[in-house]
């Protein structure tokens, strides 16, 4: 992978992390609403995809390993969102 694409991916990862932190900081001592948590989790999954494909250099190579590395964080993100949904309705 060329350095300019890797630099662009690093910029996206940092931007998504900063935006996610700023969004979460709006609710300092309160529970984050479910929709906001969903937005933060989507940004987290986008960061995971960039890290696995670009920084671990699995884009186009070993797609099963890349898929497996992305499934774990997605699974735990879905669990945390499910916990919020269940807590809201119970």
PDB file of N, CA and C in Angstrom:
ATOM      1  N   UNK A   1       0.842  -1.165   0.000  1.00  0.00           N
ATOM      2  CA  UNK A   1       0.000   0.000   0.000  1.00  0.00           C
ATOM      3  C   UNK A   1       0.897   1.241   0.000  1.00  0.00           C
ATOM      4  N   UNK A   2       0.511   2.232  -0.773  1.00  0.00           N
ATOM      5  CA  UNK A   2       1.337   3.435  -0.839  1.00  0.00           C
ATOM      6  C   UNK A   2       1.103   4.314   0.396  1.00  0.00           C
ATOM      7  N   UNK A   3       2.098   5.138   0.673  1.00  0.00           N
ATOM      8  CA  UNK A   3       2.092   5.934   1.899  1.00  0.00           C
ATOM      9  C   UNK A   3       0.970   6.970   1.930  1.00  0.00           C
ATOM     10  N   UNK A   4       0.586   7.511   0.777  1.00  0.00           N
ATOM     11  CA  UNK A   4      -0.462   8.534   0.774  1.00  0.00           C
ATOM     12  C   UNK A   4      -1.804   7.943   1.177  1.00  0.00           C
ATOM     13  N   UNK A   5      -2.098   6.729   0.725  1.00  0.00           N
ATOM     14  CA  UNK A   5      -3.354   6.080   1.113  1.00  0.00           C
ATOM     15  C   UNK A   5      -3.338   5.722   2.599  1.00  0.00           C
ATOM     16  N   UNK A   6      -2.199   5.266   3.082  1.00  0.00           N
ATOM     17  CA  UNK A   6      -2.073   4.936   4.493  1.00  0.00           C
ATOM     18  C   UNK A   6      -2.204   6.188   5.356  1.00  0.00           C
ATOM     19  N   UNK A   7      -1.647   7.287   4.900  1.00  0.00           N
ATOM     20  CA  UNK A   7      -1.769   8.562   5.612  1.00  0.00           C
ATOM     21  C   UNK A   7      -3.226   9.017   5.640  1.00  0.00           C
ATOM     22  N   UNK A   8      -3.926   8.855   4.528  1.00  0.00           N
ATOM     23  CA  UNK A   8      -5.347   9.201   4.479  1.00  0.00           C
ATOM     24  C   UNK A   8      -6.172   8.341   5.423  1.00  0.00           C
ATOM     25  N   UNK A   9      -5.865   7.046   5.490  1.00  0.00           N
ATOM     26  CA  UNK A   9      -6.571   6.159   6.410  1.00  0.00           C
ATOM     27  C   UNK A   9      -6.310   6.553   7.857  1.00  0.00           C
ATOM     28  N   UNK A  10      -5.075   6.920   8.162  1.00  0.00           N
ATOM     29  CA  UNK A  10      -4.751   7.358   9.525  1.00  0.00           C
ATOM     30  C   UNK A  10      -5.520   8.624   9.879  1.00  0.00           C
ATOM     31  N   UNK A  11      -5.656   9.531   8.933  1.00  0.00           N
ATOM     32  CA  UNK A  11      -6.416  10.751   9.178  1.00  0.00           C
ATOM     33  C   UNK A  11      -7.886  10.437   9.457  1.00  0.00           C
ATOM     34  N   UNK A  12      -8.461   9.523   8.675  1.00  0.00           N
ATOM     35  CA  UNK A  12      -9.854   9.126   8.897  1.00  0.00           C
ATOM     36  C   UNK A  12     -10.036   8.478  10.260  1.00  0.00           C
ATOM     37  N   UNK A  13      -9.101   7.625  10.650  1.00  0.00           N
ATOM     38  CA  UNK A  13      -9.213   6.958  11.952  1.00  0.00           C
ATOM     39  C   UNK A  13      -9.154   7.984  13.084  1.00  0.00           C
ATOM     40  N   UNK A  14      -8.230   8.926  12.991  1.00  0.00           N
ATOM     41  CA  UNK A  14      -8.132   9.952  14.023  1.00  0.00           C
ATOM     42  C   UNK A  14      -9.379  10.833  14.051  1.00  0.00           C
ATOM     43  N   UNK A  15      -9.883  11.212  12.879  1.00  0.00           N
ATOM     44  CA  UNK A  15     -11.064  12.055  12.808  1.00  0.00           C
ATOM     45  C   UNK A  15     -12.278  11.348  13.395  1.00  0.00           C
ATOM     46  N   UNK A  16     -12.464  10.076  13.056  1.00  0.00           N
ATOM     47  CA  UNK A  16     -13.598   9.331  13.596  1.00  0.00           C
ATOM     48  C   UNK A  16     -13.484   9.174  15.112  1.00  0.00           C
ATOM     49  N   UNK A  17     -12.286   8.953  15.608  1.00  0.00           N
ATOM     50  CA  UNK A  17     -12.089   8.841  17.046  1.00  0.00           C
ATOM     51  C   UNK A  17     -12.383  10.144  17.773  1.00  0.00           C
ATOM     52  N   UNK A  18     -11.928  11.252  17.221  1.00  0.00           N
ATOM     53  CA  UNK A  18     -12.151  12.556  17.849  1.00  0.00           C
ATOM     54  C   UNK A  18     -13.631  12.917  17.819  1.00  0.00           C
ATOM     55  N   UNK A  19     -14.286  12.694  16.687  1.00  0.00           N
ATOM     56  CA  UNK A  19     -15.716  13.005  16.589  1.00  0.00           C
ATOM     57  C   UNK A  19     -16.517  12.122  17.550  1.00  0.00           C
ATOM     58  N   UNK A  20     -16.172  10.852  17.635  1.00  0.00           N
ATOM     59  CA  UNK A  20     -16.861   9.965  18.576  1.00  0.00           C
ATOM     60  C   UNK A  20     -16.679  10.412  20.014  1.00  0.00           C
ATOM     61  N   UNK A  21     -15.482  10.833  20.370  1.00  0.00           N
ATOM     62  CA  UNK A  21     -15.223  11.314  21.732  1.00  0.00           C
ATOM     63  C   UNK A  21     -15.977  12.611  22.015  1.00  0.00           C
ATOM     64  N   UNK A  22     -16.034  13.502  21.033  1.00  0.00           N
ATOM     65  CA  UNK A  22     -16.776  14.753  21.224  1.00  0.00           C
ATOM     66  C   UNK A  22     -18.269  14.506  21.369  1.00  0.00           C
ATOM     67  N   UNK A  23     -18.790  13.568  20.594  1.00  0.00           N
ATOM     68  CA  UNK A  23     -20.212  13.230  20.718  1.00  0.00           C
ATOM     69  C   UNK A  23     -20.494  12.638  22.090  1.00  0.00           C
ATOM     70  N   UNK A  24     -19.666  11.718  22.541  1.00  0.00           N
ATOM     71  CA  UNK A  24     -19.869  11.084  23.845  1.00  0.00           C
ATOM     72  C   UNK A  24     -19.694  12.080  24.979  1.00  0.00           C
ATOM     73  N   UNK A  25     -18.861  13.087  24.807  1.00  0.00           N
ATOM     74  CA  UNK A  25     -18.608  14.068  25.867  1.00  0.00           C
ATOM     75  C   UNK A  25     -19.801  14.981  26.119  1.00  0.00           C
ATOM     76  N   UNK A  26     -20.762  14.998  25.212  1.00  0.00           N
ATOM     77  CA  UNK A  26     -21.937  15.841  25.402  1.00  0.00           C
ATOM     78  C   UNK A  26     -22.799  15.362  26.566  1.00  0.00           C
ATOM     79  N   UNK A  27     -22.705  14.088  26.891  1.00  0.00           N
ATOM     80  CA  UNK A  27     -23.463  13.497  27.986  1.00  0.00           C
ATOM     81  C   UNK A  27     -22.483  13.054  29.067  1.00  0.00           C
ATOM     82  N   UNK A  28     -21.977  14.005  29.843  1.00  0.00           N
ATOM     83  CA  UNK A  28     -20.907  13.720  30.796  1.00  0.00           C
ATOM     84  C   UNK A  28     -21.332  12.748  31.890  1.00  0.00           C
ATOM     85  N   UNK A  29     -22.403  13.058  32.579  1.00  0.00           N
ATOM     86  CA  UNK A  29     -22.815  12.222  33.699  1.00  0.00           C
ATOM     87  C   UNK A  29     -24.210  11.650  33.480  1.00  0.00           C
ATOM     88  N   UNK A  30     -24.614  11.577  32.246  1.00  0.00           N
ATOM     89  CA  UNK A  30     -25.929  11.051  31.912  1.00  0.00           C
ATOM     90  C   UNK A  30     -25.760   9.842  31.003  1.00  0.00           C
ATOM     91  N   UNK A  31     -26.837   9.128  30.841  1.00  0.00           N
ATOM     92  CA  UNK A  31     -26.823   7.969  29.954  1.00  0.00           C
ATOM     93  C   UNK A  31     -26.889   8.467  28.509  1.00  0.00           C
ATOM     94  N   UNK A  32     -26.050   7.914  27.671  1.00  0.00           N
ATOM     95  CA  UNK A  32     -26.052   8.287  26.257  1.00  0.00           C
ATOM     96  C   UNK A  32     -27.289   7.681  25.601  1.00  0.00           C
ATOM     97  N   UNK A  33     -28.056   8.469  24.847  1.00  0.00           N
ATOM     98  CA  UNK A  33     -29.231   7.914  24.162  1.00  0.00           C
ATOM     99  C   UNK A  33     -28.838   6.808  23.186  1.00  0.00           C
ATOM    100  N   UNK A  34     -29.754   5.906  22.940  1.00  0.00           N
ATOM    101  CA  UNK A  34     -29.493   4.752  22.087  1.00  0.00           C
ATOM    102  C   UNK A  34     -29.088   5.129  20.668  1.00  0.00           C
ATOM    103  N   UNK A  35     -29.727   6.160  20.111  1.00  0.00           N
ATOM    104  CA  UNK A  35     -29.400   6.576  18.742  1.00  0.00           C
ATOM    105  C   UNK A  35     -27.973   7.116  18.673  1.00  0.00           C
ATOM    106  N   UNK A  36     -27.571   7.833  19.692  1.00  0.00           N
ATOM    107  CA  UNK A  36     -26.202   8.383  19.724  1.00  0.00           C
ATOM    108  C   UNK A  36     -25.198   7.251  19.884  1.00  0.00           C
ATOM    109  N   UNK A  37     -25.528   6.279  20.736  1.00  0.00           N
ATOM    110  CA  UNK A  37     -24.649   5.119  20.887  1.00  0.00           C
ATOM    111  C   UNK A  37     -24.525   4.364  19.568  1.00  0.00           C
ATOM    112  N   UNK A  38     -25.623   4.254  18.835  1.00  0.00           N
ATOM    113  CA  UNK A  38     -25.577   3.579  17.535  1.00  0.00           C
ATOM    114  C   UNK A  38     -24.655   4.316  16.567  1.00  0.00           C
ATOM    115  N   UNK A  39     -24.696   5.641  16.579  1.00  0.00           N
ATOM    116  CA  UNK A  39     -23.817   6.430  15.713  1.00  0.00           C
ATOM    117  C   UNK A  39     -22.358   6.213  16.102  1.00  0.00           C
ATOM    118  N   UNK A  40     -22.074   6.219  17.402  1.00  0.00           N
ATOM    119  CA  UNK A  40     -20.706   6.007  17.871  1.00  0.00           C
ATOM    120  C   UNK A  40     -20.219   4.611  17.487  1.00  0.00           C
ATOM    121  N   UNK A  41     -21.097   3.608  17.594  1.00  0.00           N
ATOM    122  CA  UNK A  41     -20.718   2.240  17.235  1.00  0.00           C
ATOM    123  C   UNK A  41     -20.481   2.090  15.741  1.00  0.00           C
ATOM    124  N   UNK A  42     -21.258   2.780  14.918  1.00  0.00           N
ATOM    125  CA  UNK A  42     -21.026   2.740  13.464  1.00  0.00           C
ATOM    126  C   UNK A  42     -19.676   3.355  13.131  1.00  0.00           C
ATOM    127  N   UNK A  43     -19.338   4.455  13.792  1.00  0.00           N
ATOM    128  CA  UNK A  43     -18.027   5.063  13.564  1.00  0.00           C
ATOM    129  C   UNK A  43     -16.912   4.138  14.046  1.00  0.00           C
ATOM    130  N   UNK A  44     -17.155   3.415  15.131  1.00  0.00           N
ATOM    131  CA  UNK A  44     -16.172   2.455  15.631  1.00  0.00           C
ATOM    132  C   UNK A  44     -15.958   1.327  14.639  1.00  0.00           C
ATOM    133  N   UNK A  45     -17.025   0.842  14.043  1.00  0.00           N
ATOM    134  CA  UNK A  45     -16.913  -0.230  13.054  1.00  0.00           C
ATOM    135  C   UNK A  45     -16.176   0.263  11.807  1.00  0.00           C
ATOM    136  N   UNK A  46     -16.405   1.520  11.431  1.00  0.00           N
ATOM    137  CA  UNK A  46     -15.661   2.087  10.294  1.00  0.00           C
ATOM    138  C   UNK A  46     -14.163   2.149  10.611  1.00  0.00           C
ATOM    139  N   UNK A  47     -13.820   2.522  11.855  1.00  0.00           N
ATOM    140  CA  UNK A  47     -12.406   2.548  12.247  1.00  0.00           C
ATOM    141  C   UNK A  47     -11.810   1.146  12.230  1.00  0.00           C
ATOM    142  N   UNK A  48     -12.566   0.175  12.705  1.00  0.00           N
ATOM    143  CA  UNK A  48     -12.091  -1.205  12.712  1.00  0.00           C
ATOM    144  C   UNK A  48     -11.794  -1.665  11.295  1.00  0.00           C
ATOM    145  N   UNK A  49     -12.684  -1.341  10.379  1.00  0.00           N
ATOM    146  CA  UNK A  49     -12.497  -1.752   8.986  1.00  0.00           C
ATOM    147  C   UNK A  49     -11.229  -1.137   8.400  1.00  0.00           C
ATOM    148  N   UNK A  50     -11.010   0.143   8.661  1.00  0.00           N
ATOM    149  CA  UNK A  50      -9.799   0.792   8.158  1.00  0.00           C
ATOM    150  C   UNK A  50      -8.544   0.177   8.763  1.00  0.00           C
ATOM    151  N   UNK A  51      -8.584  -0.104  10.047  1.00  0.00           N
ATOM    152  CA  UNK A  51      -7.402  -0.668  10.709  1.00  0.00           C
ATOM    153  C   UNK A  51      -7.096  -2.054  10.178  1.00  0.00           C
ATOM    154  N   UNK A  52      -8.126  -2.899  10.068  1.00  0.00           N
ATOM    155  CA  UNK A  52      -7.898  -4.277   9.616  1.00  0.00           C
ATOM    156  C   UNK A  52      -7.441  -4.304   8.161  1.00  0.00           C
ATOM    157  N   UNK A  53      -8.094  -3.546   7.311  1.00  0.00           N
ATOM    158  CA  UNK A  53      -7.772  -3.633   5.885  1.00  0.00           C
ATOM    159  C   UNK A  53      -6.496  -2.887   5.509  1.00  0.00           C
ATOM    160  N   UNK A  54      -6.284  -1.715   6.098  1.00  0.00           N
ATOM    161  CA  UNK A  54      -5.149  -0.903   5.670  1.00  0.00           C
ATOM    162  C   UNK A  54      -3.905  -1.109   6.531  1.00  0.00           C
ATOM    163  N   UNK A  55      -4.045  -1.031   7.843  1.00  0.00           N
ATOM    164  CA  UNK A  55      -2.864  -1.103   8.696  1.00  0.00           C
ATOM    165  C   UNK A  55      -2.385  -2.531   8.918  1.00  0.00           C
ATOM    166  N   UNK A  56      -3.298  -3.487   8.863  1.00  0.00           N
ATOM    167  CA  UNK A  56      -2.881  -4.883   8.964  1.00  0.00           C
ATOM    168  C   UNK A  56      -2.616  -5.459   7.572  1.00  0.00           C
ATOM    169  N   UNK A  57      -2.809  -4.637   6.539  1.00  0.00           N
ATOM    170  CA  UNK A  57      -2.519  -4.974   5.143  1.00  0.00           C
ATOM    171  C   UNK A  57      -3.245  -6.247   4.701  1.00  0.00           C
ATOM    172  N   UNK A  58      -4.541  -6.326   5.018  1.00  0.00           N
ATOM    173  CA  UNK A  58      -5.332  -7.485   4.624  1.00  0.00           C
ATOM    174  C   UNK A  58      -6.307  -7.166   3.500  1.00  0.00           C
ATOM    175  N   UNK A  59      -6.177  -6.011   2.886  1.00  0.00           N
ATOM    176  CA  UNK A  59      -7.055  -5.652   1.775  1.00  0.00           C
ATOM    177  C   UNK A  59      -6.701  -6.508   0.558  1.00  0.00           C
ATOM    178  N   UNK A  60      -7.647  -7.343   0.146  1.00  0.00           N
ATOM    179  CA  UNK A  60      -7.442  -8.201  -1.013  1.00  0.00           C
ATOM    180  C   UNK A  60      -6.668  -9.474  -0.712  1.00  0.00           C
ATOM    181  N   UNK A  61      -6.140  -9.587   0.487  1.00  0.00           N
ATOM    182  CA  UNK A  61      -5.373 -10.771   0.868  1.00  0.00           C
ATOM    183  C   UNK A  61      -6.039 -11.386   2.085  1.00  0.00           C
ATOM    184  N   UNK A  62      -6.149 -12.680   2.103  1.00  0.00           N
ATOM    185  CA  UNK A  62      -6.697 -13.427   3.234  1.00  0.00           C
ATOM    186  C   UNK A  62      -8.021 -12.842   3.708  1.00  0.00           C
ATOM    187  N   UNK A  63      -9.048 -12.878   2.863  1.00  0.00           N
ATOM    188  CA  UNK A  63     -10.330 -12.258   3.237  1.00  0.00           C
ATOM    189  C   UNK A  63     -10.996 -12.929   4.440  1.00  0.00           C
ATOM    190  N   UNK A  64     -10.760 -14.216   4.654  1.00  0.00           N
ATOM    191  CA  UNK A  64     -11.362 -14.882   5.804  1.00  0.00           C
ATOM    192  C   UNK A  64     -10.782 -14.361   7.119  1.00  0.00           C
ATOM    193  N   UNK A  65      -9.482 -14.110   7.147  1.00  0.00           N
ATOM    194  CA  UNK A  65      -8.860 -13.561   8.343  1.00  0.00           C
ATOM    195  C   UNK A  65      -9.366 -12.146   8.596  1.00  0.00           C
ATOM    196  N   UNK A  66      -9.470 -11.342   7.545  1.00  0.00           N
ATOM    197  CA  UNK A  66      -9.974  -9.974   7.693  1.00  0.00           C
ATOM    198  C   UNK A  66     -11.404  -9.995   8.207  1.00  0.00           C
ATOM    199  N   UNK A  67     -12.225 -10.873   7.681  1.00  0.00           N
ATOM    200  CA  UNK A  67     -13.615 -10.990   8.117  1.00  0.00           C
ATOM    201  C   UNK A  67     -13.682 -11.398   9.590  1.00  0.00           C
ATOM    202  N   UNK A  68     -12.870 -12.360   9.979  1.00  0.00           N
ATOM    203  CA  UNK A  68     -12.872 -12.815  11.369  1.00  0.00           C
ATOM    204  C   UNK A  68     -12.413 -11.711  12.317  1.00  0.00           C
ATOM    205  N   UNK A  69     -11.422 -10.934  11.912  1.00  0.00           N
ATOM    206  CA  UNK A  69     -10.937  -9.846  12.764  1.00  0.00           C
ATOM    207  C   UNK A  69     -11.967  -8.731  12.904  1.00  0.00           C
ATOM    208  N   UNK A  70     -12.843  -8.581  11.916  1.00  0.00           N
ATOM    209  CA  UNK A  70     -13.873  -7.550  11.993  1.00  0.00           C
ATOM    210  C   UNK A  70     -15.119  -8.037  12.725  1.00  0.00           C
ATOM    211  N   UNK A  71     -15.345  -9.335  12.758  1.00  0.00           N
ATOM    212  CA  UNK A  71     -16.558  -9.859  13.388  1.00  0.00           C
ATOM    213  C   UNK A  71     -16.536  -9.680  14.898  1.00  0.00           C
ATOM    214  N   UNK A  72     -15.391  -9.869  15.541  1.00  0.00           N
ATOM    215  CA  UNK A  72     -15.339  -9.756  16.999  1.00  0.00           C
ATOM    216  C   UNK A  72     -15.787  -8.395  17.499  1.00  0.00           C
ATOM    217  N   UNK A  73     -15.219  -7.290  17.048  1.00  0.00           N
ATOM    218  CA  UNK A  73     -15.675  -5.985  17.547  1.00  0.00           C
ATOM    219  C   UNK A  73     -17.122  -5.683  17.161  1.00  0.00           C
ATOM    220  N   UNK A  74     -17.549  -6.154  15.988  1.00  0.00           N
ATOM    221  CA  UNK A  74     -18.937  -5.941  15.586  1.00  0.00           C
ATOM    222  C   UNK A  74     -19.868  -6.697  16.526  1.00  0.00           C
ATOM    223  N   UNK A  75     -19.484  -7.896  16.905  1.00  0.00           N
ATOM    224  CA  UNK A  75     -20.277  -8.701  17.838  1.00  0.00           C
ATOM    225  C   UNK A  75     -20.433  -7.986  19.179  1.00  0.00           C
ATOM    226  N   UNK A  76     -19.337  -7.461  19.724  1.00  0.00           N
ATOM    227  CA  UNK A  76     -19.416  -6.778  21.005  1.00  0.00           C
ATOM    228  C   UNK A  76     -20.123  -5.429  20.892  1.00  0.00           C
ATOM    229  N   UNK A  77     -20.025  -4.787  19.745  1.00  0.00           N
ATOM    230  CA  UNK A  77     -20.790  -3.551  19.536  1.00  0.00           C
ATOM    231  C   UNK A  77     -22.282  -3.846  19.521  1.00  0.00           C
ATOM    232  N   UNK A  78     -22.668  -4.919  18.859  1.00  0.00           N
ATOM    233  CA  UNK A  78     -24.079  -5.311  18.829  1.00  0.00           C
ATOM    234  C   UNK A  78     -24.571  -5.684  20.227  1.00  0.00           C
ATOM    235  N   UNK A  79     -23.731  -6.346  21.008  1.00  0.00           N
ATOM    236  CA  UNK A  79     -24.120  -6.684  22.379  1.00  0.00           C
ATOM    237  C   UNK A  79     -24.343  -5.431  23.225  1.00  0.00           C
ATOM    238  N   UNK A  80     -23.464  -4.454  23.095  1.00  0.00           N
ATOM    239  CA  UNK A  80     -23.628  -3.233  23.885  1.00  0.00           C
ATOM    240  C   UNK A  80     -24.859  -2.449  23.453  1.00  0.00           C
ATOM    241  N   UNK A  81     -25.145  -2.416  22.168  1.00  0.00           N
ATOM    242  CA  UNK A  81     -26.356  -1.751  21.688  1.00  0.00           C
ATOM    243  C   UNK A  81     -27.597  -2.513  22.145  1.00  0.00           C
ATOM    244  N   UNK A  82     -27.534  -3.831  22.124  1.00  0.00           N
ATOM    245  CA  UNK A  82     -28.652  -4.630  22.614  1.00  0.00           C
ATOM    246  C   UNK A  82     -28.914  -4.413  24.089  1.00  0.00           C
ATOM    247  N   UNK A  83     -27.866  -4.241  24.872  1.00  0.00           N
ATOM    248  CA  UNK A  83     -28.011  -3.973  26.301  1.00  0.00           C
ATOM    249  C   UNK A  83     -28.730  -2.651  26.522  1.00  0.00           C
ATOM    250  N   UNK A  84     -28.400  -1.651  25.732  1.00  0.00           N
ATOM    251  CA  UNK A  84     -29.057  -0.341  25.865  1.00  0.00           C
ATOM    252  C   UNK A  84     -30.530  -0.451  25.467  1.00  0.00           C
ATOM    253  N   UNK A  85     -30.799  -1.180  24.394  1.00  0.00           N
ATOM    254  CA  UNK A  85     -32.185  -1.340  23.944  1.00  0.00           C
ATOM    255  C   UNK A  85     -32.997  -2.078  24.994  1.00  0.00           C
ATOM    256  N   UNK A  86     -32.450  -3.145  25.555  1.00  0.00           N
ATOM    257  CA  UNK A  86     -33.166  -3.889  26.592  1.00  0.00           C
ATOM    258  C   UNK A  86     -33.365  -3.054  27.845  1.00  0.00           C
ATOM    259  N   UNK A  87     -32.378  -2.277  28.234  1.00  0.00           N
ATOM    260  CA  UNK A  87     -32.512  -1.427  29.411  1.00  0.00           C
ATOM    261  C   UNK A  87     -33.554  -0.330  29.193  1.00  0.00           C
ATOM    262  N   UNK A  88     -33.720   0.104  27.971  1.00  0.00           N
ATOM    263  CA  UNK A  88     -34.698   1.141  27.659  1.00  0.00           C
ATOM    264  C   UNK A  88     -36.120   0.602  27.782  1.00  0.00           C
ATOM    265  N   UNK A  89     -36.346  -0.618  27.322  1.00  0.00           N
ATOM    266  CA  UNK A  89     -37.686  -1.166  27.295  1.00  0.00           C
ATOM    267  C   UNK A  89     -38.055  -1.947  28.545  1.00  0.00           C
ATOM    268  N   UNK A  90     -37.111  -2.233  29.403  1.00  0.00           N
ATOM    269  CA  UNK A  90     -37.435  -2.999  30.630  1.00  0.00           C
ATOM    270  C   UNK A  90     -37.485  -2.131  31.841  1.00  0.00           C
TER     271      UNK A  90
END
